[in-house]
Amino acid sequence: MGRNEIRLRRQKMSSGRIAQHRNYGEIMARHERDIKIRRTVRVFLYFLIIAFLLVLFIMVKRWEQKQGKVKEKTAWVLKSNGSTFTSAKTH
């Protein structure tokens, strides 16, 4: 058998193939529902990922601001050769 004959034989309608396509409308409706559900889940997951990254970004920014304030409060240094406190900042 040639390649074309095999392909035609595979596509030949039989009682089994006809039974598969009897409820074609129902199968297509289910397929459309599945596509909508997948799309909704994908959008929801992207939203969750973006929200998580945004919250993480805000947490890091606040932590950095808090660290900056702590460093600012402890910027006074005691000189080893004198008994007076001096500021590390230049005024």
PDB file of N, CA and C in Angstrom:
ATOM      1  N   MET A   1       0.836  -1.175   0.000  1.00  0.00           N
ATOM      2  CA  MET A   1       0.000   0.000   0.000  1.00  0.00           C
ATOM      3  C   MET A   1       0.882   1.239   0.000  1.00  0.00           C
ATOM      4  N   GLY A   2       0.447   2.209  -0.756  1.00  0.00           N
ATOM      5  CA  GLY A   2       1.171   3.465  -0.798  1.00  0.00           C
ATOM      6  C   GLY A   2       0.777   4.367   0.361  1.00  0.00           C
ATOM      7  N   ARG A   3       1.528   5.428   0.471  1.00  0.00           N
ATOM      8  CA  ARG A   3       1.286   6.354   1.577  1.00  0.00           C
ATOM      9  C   ARG A   3      -0.111   6.974   1.485  1.00  0.00           C
ATOM     10  N   ASN A   4      -0.541   7.342   0.302  1.00  0.00           N
ATOM     11  CA  ASN A   4      -1.870   7.949   0.135  1.00  0.00           C
ATOM     12  C   ASN A   4      -2.984   6.967   0.453  1.00  0.00           C
ATOM     13  N   GLU A   5      -2.788   5.705   0.091  1.00  0.00           N
ATOM     14  CA  GLU A   5      -3.814   4.699   0.381  1.00  0.00           C
ATOM     15  C   GLU A   5      -3.970   4.497   1.886  1.00  0.00           C
ATOM     16  N   ILE A   6      -2.848   4.507   2.593  1.00  0.00           N
ATOM     17  CA  ILE A   6      -2.902   4.354   4.058  1.00  0.00           C
ATOM     18  C   ILE A   6      -3.631   5.547   4.674  1.00  0.00           C
ATOM     19  N   ARG A   7      -3.327   6.750   4.200  1.00  0.00           N
ATOM     20  CA  ARG A   7      -3.980   7.948   4.736  1.00  0.00           C
ATOM     21  C   ARG A   7      -5.480   7.911   4.466  1.00  0.00           C
ATOM     22  N   LEU A   8      -5.877   7.527   3.264  1.00  0.00           N
ATOM     23  CA  LEU A   8      -7.300   7.440   2.933  1.00  0.00           C
ATOM     24  C   LEU A   8      -7.992   6.367   3.764  1.00  0.00           C
ATOM     25  N   ARG A   9      -7.285   5.281   4.002  1.00  0.00           N
ATOM     26  CA  ARG A   9      -7.865   4.196   4.795  1.00  0.00           C
ATOM     27  C   ARG A   9      -8.095   4.641   6.242  1.00  0.00           C
ATOM     28  N   ARG A  10      -7.147   5.423   6.780  1.00  0.00           N
ATOM     29  CA  ARG A  10      -7.292   5.928   8.149  1.00  0.00           C
ATOM     30  C   ARG A  10      -8.477   6.875   8.268  1.00  0.00           C
ATOM     31  N   GLN A  11      -8.708   7.671   7.250  1.00  0.00           N
ATOM     32  CA  GLN A  11      -9.772   8.668   7.301  1.00  0.00           C
ATOM     33  C   GLN A  11     -11.128   8.119   6.874  1.00  0.00           C
ATOM     34  N   LYS A  12     -11.180   6.859   6.486  1.00  0.00           N
ATOM     35  CA  LYS A  12     -12.439   6.262   6.041  1.00  0.00           C
ATOM     36  C   LYS A  12     -13.427   6.227   7.202  1.00  0.00           C
ATOM     37  N   MET A  13     -14.642   6.623   6.927  1.00  0.00           N
ATOM     38  CA  MET A  13     -15.652   6.659   7.981  1.00  0.00           C
ATOM     39  C   MET A  13     -16.099   5.241   8.318  1.00  0.00           C
ATOM     40  N   SER A  14     -16.121   4.967   9.591  1.00  0.00           N
ATOM     41  CA  SER A  14     -16.601   3.673  10.072  1.00  0.00           C
ATOM     42  C   SER A  14     -17.653   3.950  11.143  1.00  0.00           C
ATOM     43  N   SER A  15     -18.260   2.903  11.637  1.00  0.00           N
ATOM     44  CA  SER A  15     -19.296   3.102  12.658  1.00  0.00           C
ATOM     45  C   SER A  15     -18.697   3.711  13.927  1.00  0.00           C
ATOM     46  N   GLY A  16     -17.468   3.347  14.262  1.00  0.00           N
ATOM     47  CA  GLY A  16     -16.807   3.915  15.437  1.00  0.00           C
ATOM     48  C   GLY A  16     -16.522   5.394  15.274  1.00  0.00           C
ATOM     49  N   ARG A  17     -16.051   5.784  14.083  1.00  0.00           N
ATOM     50  CA  ARG A  17     -15.765   7.204  13.829  1.00  0.00           C
ATOM     51  C   ARG A  17     -17.047   8.025  13.801  1.00  0.00           C
ATOM     52  N   ILE A  18     -18.094   7.451  13.252  1.00  0.00           N
ATOM     53  CA  ILE A  18     -19.379   8.158  13.231  1.00  0.00           C
ATOM     54  C   ILE A  18     -19.888   8.349  14.665  1.00  0.00           C
ATOM     55  N   ALA A  19     -19.737   7.334  15.519  1.00  0.00           N
ATOM     56  CA  ALA A  19     -20.187   7.426  16.910  1.00  0.00           C
ATOM     57  C   ALA A  19     -19.396   8.491  17.672  1.00  0.00           C
ATOM     58  N   GLN A  20     -18.115   8.648  17.324  1.00  0.00           N
ATOM     59  CA  GLN A  20     -17.308   9.668  17.994  1.00  0.00           C
ATOM     60  C   GLN A  20     -17.842  11.065  17.722  1.00  0.00           C
ATOM     61  N   HIS A  21     -18.375  11.290  16.539  1.00  0.00           N
ATOM     62  CA  HIS A  21     -18.784  12.632  16.138  1.00  0.00           C
ATOM     63  C   HIS A  21     -20.280  12.877  16.269  1.00  0.00           C
ATOM     64  N   ARG A  22     -20.995  11.982  16.885  1.00  0.00           N
ATOM     65  CA  ARG A  22     -22.439  12.170  17.043  1.00  0.00           C
ATOM     66  C   ARG A  22     -22.765  13.371  17.909  1.00  0.00           C
ATOM     67  N   ASN A  23     -22.024  13.525  18.981  1.00  0.00           N
ATOM     68  CA  ASN A  23     -22.286  14.630  19.908  1.00  0.00           C
ATOM     69  C   ASN A  23     -21.248  15.743  19.700  1.00  0.00           C
ATOM     70  N   TYR A  24     -21.002  16.083  18.466  1.00  0.00           N
ATOM     71  CA  TYR A  24     -19.985  17.084  18.120  1.00  0.00           C
ATOM     72  C   TYR A  24     -20.295  18.441  18.761  1.00  0.00           C
ATOM     73  N   GLY A  25     -21.535  18.843  18.758  1.00  0.00           N
ATOM     74  CA  GLY A  25     -21.910  20.122  19.366  1.00  0.00           C
ATOM     75  C   GLY A  25     -21.605  20.156  20.852  1.00  0.00           C
ATOM     76  N   GLU A  26     -21.911  19.058  21.528  1.00  0.00           N
ATOM     77  CA  GLU A  26     -21.627  18.976  22.964  1.00  0.00           C
ATOM     78  C   GLU A  26     -20.123  19.006  23.222  1.00  0.00           C
ATOM     79  N   ILE A  27     -19.374  18.295  22.386  1.00  0.00           N
ATOM     80  CA  ILE A  27     -17.917  18.277  22.544  1.00  0.00           C
ATOM     81  C   ILE A  27     -17.348  19.679  22.333  1.00  0.00           C
ATOM     82  N   MET A  28     -17.833  20.390  21.328  1.00  0.00           N
ATOM     83  CA  MET A  28     -17.344  21.749  21.074  1.00  0.00           C
ATOM     84  C   MET A  28     -17.732  22.699  22.208  1.00  0.00           C
ATOM     85  N   ALA A  29     -18.924  22.536  22.750  1.00  0.00           N
ATOM     86  CA  ALA A  29     -19.342  23.380  23.877  1.00  0.00           C
ATOM     87  C   ALA A  29     -18.451  23.124  25.089  1.00  0.00           C
ATOM     88  N   ARG A  30     -18.152  21.862  25.358  1.00  0.00           N
ATOM     89  CA  ARG A  30     -17.269  21.519  26.474  1.00  0.00           C
ATOM     90  C   ARG A  30     -15.871  22.091  26.237  1.00  0.00           C
ATOM     91  N   HIS A  31     -15.415  21.999  25.000  1.00  0.00           N
ATOM     92  CA  HIS A  31     -14.099  22.532  24.649  1.00  0.00           C
ATOM     93  C   HIS A  31     -14.048  24.048  24.872  1.00  0.00           C
ATOM     94  N   GLU A  32     -15.074  24.751  24.461  1.00  0.00           N
ATOM     95  CA  GLU A  32     -15.132  26.202  24.669  1.00  0.00           C
ATOM     96  C   GLU A  32     -15.137  26.538  26.157  1.00  0.00           C
ATOM     97  N   ARG A  33     -15.897  25.769  26.947  1.00  0.00           N
ATOM     98  CA  ARG A  33     -15.916  25.977  28.399  1.00  0.00           C
ATOM     99  C   ARG A  33     -14.533  25.755  28.994  1.00  0.00           C
ATOM    100  N   ASP A  34     -13.868  24.690  28.556  1.00  0.00           N
ATOM    101  CA  ASP A  34     -12.528  24.401  29.065  1.00  0.00           C
ATOM    102  C   ASP A  34     -11.546  25.511  28.716  1.00  0.00           C
ATOM    103  N   ILE A  35     -11.654  26.039  27.510  1.00  0.00           N
ATOM    104  CA  ILE A  35     -10.768  27.132  27.106  1.00  0.00           C
ATOM    105  C   ILE A  35     -11.017  28.361  27.979  1.00  0.00           C
ATOM    106  N   LYS A  36     -12.287  28.686  28.250  1.00  0.00           N
ATOM    107  CA  LYS A  36     -12.605  29.843  29.093  1.00  0.00           C
ATOM    108  C   LYS A  36     -12.075  29.649  30.508  1.00  0.00           C
ATOM    109  N   ILE A  37     -12.232  28.434  31.035  1.00  0.00           N
ATOM    110  CA  ILE A  37     -11.742  28.152  32.387  1.00  0.00           C
ATOM    111  C   ILE A  37     -10.225  28.276  32.434  1.00  0.00           C
ATOM    112  N   ARG A  38      -9.537  27.718  31.446  1.00  0.00           N
ATOM    113  CA  ARG A  38      -8.077  27.820  31.405  1.00  0.00           C
ATOM    114  C   ARG A  38      -7.629  29.273  31.319  1.00  0.00           C
ATOM    115  N   ARG A  39      -8.304  30.060  30.498  1.00  0.00           N
ATOM    116  CA  ARG A  39      -7.946  31.470  30.349  1.00  0.00           C
ATOM    117  C   ARG A  39      -8.170  32.210  31.664  1.00  0.00           C
ATOM    118  N   THR A  40      -9.279  31.928  32.334  1.00  0.00           N
ATOM    119  CA  THR A  40      -9.576  32.573  33.612  1.00  0.00           C
ATOM    120  C   THR A  40      -8.540  32.203  34.667  1.00  0.00           C
ATOM    121  N   VAL A  41      -8.187  30.935  34.727  1.00  0.00           N
ATOM    122  CA  VAL A  41      -7.177  30.486  35.697  1.00  0.00           C
ATOM    123  C   VAL A  41      -5.837  31.144  35.400  1.00  0.00           C
ATOM    124  N   ARG A  42      -5.477  31.224  34.135  1.00  0.00           N
ATOM    125  CA  ARG A  42      -4.200  31.838  33.757  1.00  0.00           C
ATOM    126  C   ARG A  42      -4.172  33.312  34.152  1.00  0.00           C
ATOM    127  N   VAL A  43      -5.250  34.049  33.896  1.00  0.00           N
ATOM    128  CA  VAL A  43      -5.311  35.468  34.269  1.00  0.00           C
ATOM    129  C   VAL A  43      -5.242  35.611  35.784  1.00  0.00           C
ATOM    130  N   PHE A  44      -5.952  34.758  36.514  1.00  0.00           N
ATOM    131  CA  PHE A  44      -5.938  34.806  37.976  1.00  0.00           C
ATOM    132  C   PHE A  44      -4.533  34.537  38.516  1.00  0.00           C
ATOM    133  N   LEU A  45      -3.841  33.551  37.943  1.00  0.00           N
ATOM    134  CA  LEU A  45      -2.480  33.253  38.395  1.00  0.00           C
ATOM    135  C   LEU A  45      -1.532  34.413  38.104  1.00  0.00           C
ATOM    136  N   TYR A  46      -1.651  35.019  36.936  1.00  0.00           N
ATOM    137  CA  TYR A  46      -0.818  36.182  36.633  1.00  0.00           C
ATOM    138  C   TYR A  46      -1.103  37.310  37.612  1.00  0.00           C
ATOM    139  N   PHE A  47      -2.375  37.523  37.940  1.00  0.00           N
ATOM    140  CA  PHE A  47      -2.734  38.555  38.907  1.00  0.00           C
ATOM    141  C   PHE A  47      -2.106  38.259  40.269  1.00  0.00           C
ATOM    142  N   LEU A  48      -2.174  37.005  40.710  1.00  0.00           N
ATOM    143  CA  LEU A  48      -1.578  36.641  41.997  1.00  0.00           C
ATOM    144  C   LEU A  48      -0.070  36.849  41.998  1.00  0.00           C
ATOM    145  N   ILE A  49       0.587  36.475  40.925  1.00  0.00           N
ATOM    146  CA  ILE A  49       2.040  36.642  40.843  1.00  0.00           C
ATOM    147  C   ILE A  49       2.406  38.118  40.892  1.00  0.00           C
ATOM    148  N   ILE A  50       1.689  38.943  40.141  1.00  0.00           N
ATOM    149  CA  ILE A  50       1.976  40.380  40.133  1.00  0.00           C
ATOM    150  C   ILE A  50       1.692  40.987  41.504  1.00  0.00           C
ATOM    151  N   ALA A  51       0.603  40.581  42.145  1.00  0.00           N
ATOM    152  CA  ALA A  51       0.276  41.095  43.482  1.00  0.00           C
ATOM    153  C   ALA A  51       1.348  40.687  44.490  1.00  0.00           C
ATOM    154  N   PHE A  52       1.816  39.447  44.416  1.00  0.00           N
ATOM    155  CA  PHE A  52       2.863  38.973  45.325  1.00  0.00           C
ATOM    156  C   PHE A  52       4.145  39.773  45.126  1.00  0.00           C
ATOM    157  N   LEU A  53       4.532  39.992  43.876  1.00  0.00           N
ATOM    158  CA  LEU A  53       5.746  40.760  43.604  1.00  0.00           C
ATOM    159  C   LEU A  53       5.601  42.205  44.074  1.00  0.00           C
ATOM    160  N   LEU A  54       4.420  42.772  43.926  1.00  0.00           N
ATOM    161  CA  LEU A  54       4.178  44.138  44.381  1.00  0.00           C
ATOM    162  C   LEU A  54       4.283  44.234  45.906  1.00  0.00           C
ATOM    163  N   VAL A  55       3.690  43.291  46.605  1.00  0.00           N
ATOM    164  CA  VAL A  55       3.775  43.277  48.072  1.00  0.00           C
ATOM    165  C   VAL A  55       5.224  43.090  48.512  1.00  0.00           C
ATOM    166  N   LEU A  56       5.940  42.208  47.849  1.00  0.00           N
ATOM    167  CA  LEU A  56       7.351  41.986  48.167  1.00  0.00           C
ATOM    168  C   LEU A  56       8.159  43.262  47.937  1.00  0.00           C
ATOM    169  N   PHE A  57       7.894  43.956  46.846  1.00  0.00           N
ATOM    170  CA  PHE A  57       8.585  45.212  46.550  1.00  0.00           C
ATOM    171  C   PHE A  57       8.316  46.252  47.634  1.00  0.00           C
ATOM    172  N   ILE A  58       7.057  46.376  48.052  1.00  0.00           N
ATOM    173  CA  ILE A  58       6.703  47.343  49.095  1.00  0.00           C
ATOM    174  C   ILE A  58       7.384  46.986  50.414  1.00  0.00           C
ATOM    175  N   MET A  59       7.421  45.698  50.740  1.00  0.00           N
ATOM    176  CA  MET A  59       8.081  45.274  51.979  1.00  0.00           C
ATOM    177  C   MET A  59       9.568  45.616  51.957  1.00  0.00           C
ATOM    178  N   VAL A  60      10.222  45.371  50.841  1.00  0.00           N
ATOM    179  CA  VAL A  60      11.654  45.669  50.732  1.00  0.00           C
ATOM    180  C   VAL A  60      11.892  47.168  50.825  1.00  0.00           C
ATOM    181  N   LYS A  61      11.047  47.973  50.179  1.00  0.00           N
ATOM    182  CA  LYS A  61      11.199  49.431  50.246  1.00  0.00           C
ATOM    183  C   LYS A  61      11.058  49.927  51.685  1.00  0.00           C
ATOM    184  N   ARG A  62      10.060  49.432  52.401  1.00  0.00           N
ATOM    185  CA  ARG A  62       9.867  49.856  53.798  1.00  0.00           C
ATOM    186  C   ARG A  62      11.038  49.409  54.669  1.00  0.00           C
ATOM    187  N   TRP A  63      11.539  48.206  54.414  1.00  0.00           N
ATOM    188  CA  TRP A  63      12.674  47.703  55.184  1.00  0.00           C
ATOM    189  C   TRP A  63      13.906  48.567  54.927  1.00  0.00           C
ATOM    190  N   GLU A  64      14.122  48.962  53.663  1.00  0.00           N
ATOM    191  CA  GLU A  64      15.255  49.830  53.337  1.00  0.00           C
ATOM    192  C   GLU A  64      15.101  51.192  54.005  1.00  0.00           C
ATOM    193  N   GLN A  65      13.886  51.733  54.030  1.00  0.00           N
ATOM    194  CA  GLN A  65      13.666  53.020  54.686  1.00  0.00           C
ATOM    195  C   GLN A  65      13.936  52.910  56.180  1.00  0.00           C
ATOM    196  N   LYS A  66      13.504  51.807  56.774  1.00  0.00           N
ATOM    197  CA  LYS A  66      13.736  51.599  58.200  1.00  0.00           C
ATOM    198  C   LYS A  66      15.234  51.485  58.476  1.00  0.00           C
ATOM    199  N   GLN A  67      15.963  50.791  57.631  1.00  0.00           N
ATOM    200  CA  GLN A  67      17.409  50.658  57.802  1.00  0.00           C
ATOM    201  C   GLN A  67      18.095  52.016  57.666  1.00  0.00           C
ATOM    202  N   GLY A  68      17.614  52.844  56.763  1.00  0.00           N
ATOM    203  CA  GLY A  68      18.175  54.186  56.584  1.00  0.00           C
ATOM    204  C   GLY A  68      17.966  55.040  57.815  1.00  0.00           C
ATOM    205  N   LYS A  69      16.808  54.942  58.460  1.00  0.00           N
ATOM    206  CA  LYS A  69      16.525  55.708  59.671  1.00  0.00           C
ATOM    207  C   LYS A  69      17.395  55.233  60.823  1.00  0.00           C
ATOM    208  N   VAL A  70      17.624  53.941  60.929  1.00  0.00           N
ATOM    209  CA  VAL A  70      18.466  53.411  62.001  1.00  0.00           C
ATOM    210  C   VAL A  70      19.889  53.907  61.826  1.00  0.00           C
ATOM    211  N   LYS A  71      20.394  53.895  60.608  1.00  0.00           N
ATOM    212  CA  LYS A  71      21.749  54.385  60.365  1.00  0.00           C
ATOM    213  C   LYS A  71      21.835  55.877  60.664  1.00  0.00           C
ATOM    214  N   GLU A  72      20.791  56.607  60.346  1.00  0.00           N
ATOM    215  CA  GLU A  72      20.781  58.041  60.597  1.00  0.00           C
ATOM    216  C   GLU A  72      20.816  58.320  62.099  1.00  0.00           C
ATOM    217  N   LYS A  73      20.137  57.535  62.892  1.00  0.00           N
ATOM    218  CA  LYS A  73      20.102  57.736  64.335  1.00  0.00           C
ATOM    219  C   LYS A  73      21.436  57.381  64.981  1.00  0.00           C
ATOM    220  N   THR A  74      22.153  56.440  64.427  1.00  0.00           N
ATOM    221  CA  THR A  74      23.408  55.990  65.034  1.00  0.00           C
ATOM    222  C   THR A  74      24.614  56.556  64.294  1.00  0.00           C
ATOM    223  N   ALA A  75      24.467  57.722  63.714  1.00  0.00           N
ATOM    224  CA  ALA A  75      25.558  58.300  62.941  1.00  0.00           C
ATOM    225  C   ALA A  75      26.582  59.022  63.821  1.00  0.00           C
ATOM    226  N   TRP A  76      26.344  59.098  65.123  1.00  0.00           N
ATOM    227  CA  TRP A  76      27.291  59.765  66.017  1.00  0.00           C
ATOM    228  C   TRP A  76      28.420  58.814  66.354  1.00  0.00           C
ATOM    229  N   VAL A  77      29.631  59.331  66.275  1.00  0.00           N
ATOM    230  CA  VAL A  77      30.819  58.502  66.485  1.00  0.00           C
ATOM    231  C   VAL A  77      31.639  59.112  67.616  1.00  0.00           C
ATOM    232  N   LEU A  78      32.179  58.276  68.465  1.00  0.00           N
ATOM    233  CA  LEU A  78      33.050  58.723  69.544  1.00  0.00           C
ATOM    234  C   LEU A  78      34.482  58.666  69.047  1.00  0.00           C
ATOM    235  N   LYS A  79      35.164  59.774  69.073  1.00  0.00           N
ATOM    236  CA  LYS A  79      36.560  59.784  68.642  1.00  0.00           C
ATOM    237  C   LYS A  79      37.403  59.122  69.716  1.00  0.00           C
ATOM    238  N   SER A  80      38.375  58.376  69.282  1.00  0.00           N
ATOM    239  CA  SER A  80      39.183  57.629  70.242  1.00  0.00           C
ATOM    240  C   SER A  80      40.162  58.531  70.986  1.00  0.00           C
ATOM    241  N   ASN A  81      40.593  59.634  70.395  1.00  0.00           N
ATOM    242  CA  ASN A  81      41.572  60.478  71.076  1.00  0.00           C
ATOM    243  C   ASN A  81      40.921  61.581  71.914  1.00  0.00           C
ATOM    244  N   GLY A  82      39.642  61.751  71.833  1.00  0.00           N
ATOM    245  CA  GLY A  82      38.977  62.798  72.602  1.00  0.00           C
ATOM    246  C   GLY A  82      37.783  62.236  73.337  1.00  0.00           C
ATOM    247  N   SER A  83      37.234  63.015  74.223  1.00  0.00           N
ATOM    248  CA  SER A  83      36.101  62.549  74.992  1.00  0.00           C
ATOM    249  C   SER A  83      34.792  63.158  74.517  1.00  0.00           C
ATOM    250  N   THR A  84      34.806  63.876  73.393  1.00  0.00           N
ATOM    251  CA  THR A  84      33.575  64.490  72.913  1.00  0.00           C
ATOM    252  C   THR A  84      33.004  63.704  71.746  1.00  0.00           C
ATOM    253  N   PHE A  85      31.698  63.768  71.646  1.00  0.00           N
ATOM    254  CA  PHE A  85      31.021  63.124  70.516  1.00  0.00           C
ATOM    255  C   PHE A  85      31.070  64.069  69.320  1.00  0.00           C
ATOM    256  N   THR A  86      31.274  63.500  68.144  1.00  0.00           N
ATOM    257  CA  THR A  86      31.209  64.302  66.921  1.00  0.00           C
ATOM    258  C   THR A  86      30.316  63.589  65.930  1.00  0.00           C
ATOM    259  N   SER A  87      29.784  64.362  65.047  1.00  0.00           N
ATOM    260  CA  SER A  87      28.872  63.807  64.051  1.00  0.00           C
ATOM    261  C   SER A  87      29.670  63.296  62.861  1.00  0.00           C
ATOM    262  N   ALA A  88      29.235  62.183  62.305  1.00  0.00           N
ATOM    263  CA  ALA A  88      29.877  61.648  61.106  1.00  0.00           C
ATOM    264  C   ALA A  88      29.449  62.447  59.890  1.00  0.00           C
ATOM    265  N   LYS A  89      28.373  63.184  60.020  1.00  0.00           N
ATOM    266  CA  LYS A  89      27.885  64.007  58.918  1.00  0.00           C
ATOM    267  C   LYS A  89      28.650  65.320  58.897  1.00  0.00           C
ATOM    268  N   THR A  90      28.736  65.906  57.731  1.00  0.00           N
ATOM    269  CA  THR A  90      29.347  67.231  57.637  1.00  0.00           C
ATOM    270  C   THR A  90      28.238  68.262  57.622  1.00  0.00           C
ATOM    271  N   HIS A  91      28.325  69.224  58.502  1.00  0.00           N
ATOM    272  CA  HIS A  91      27.279  70.256  58.593  1.00  0.00           C
ATOM    273  C   HIS A  91      27.749  71.507  57.930  1.00  0.00           C
TER     274      HIS A  91
END
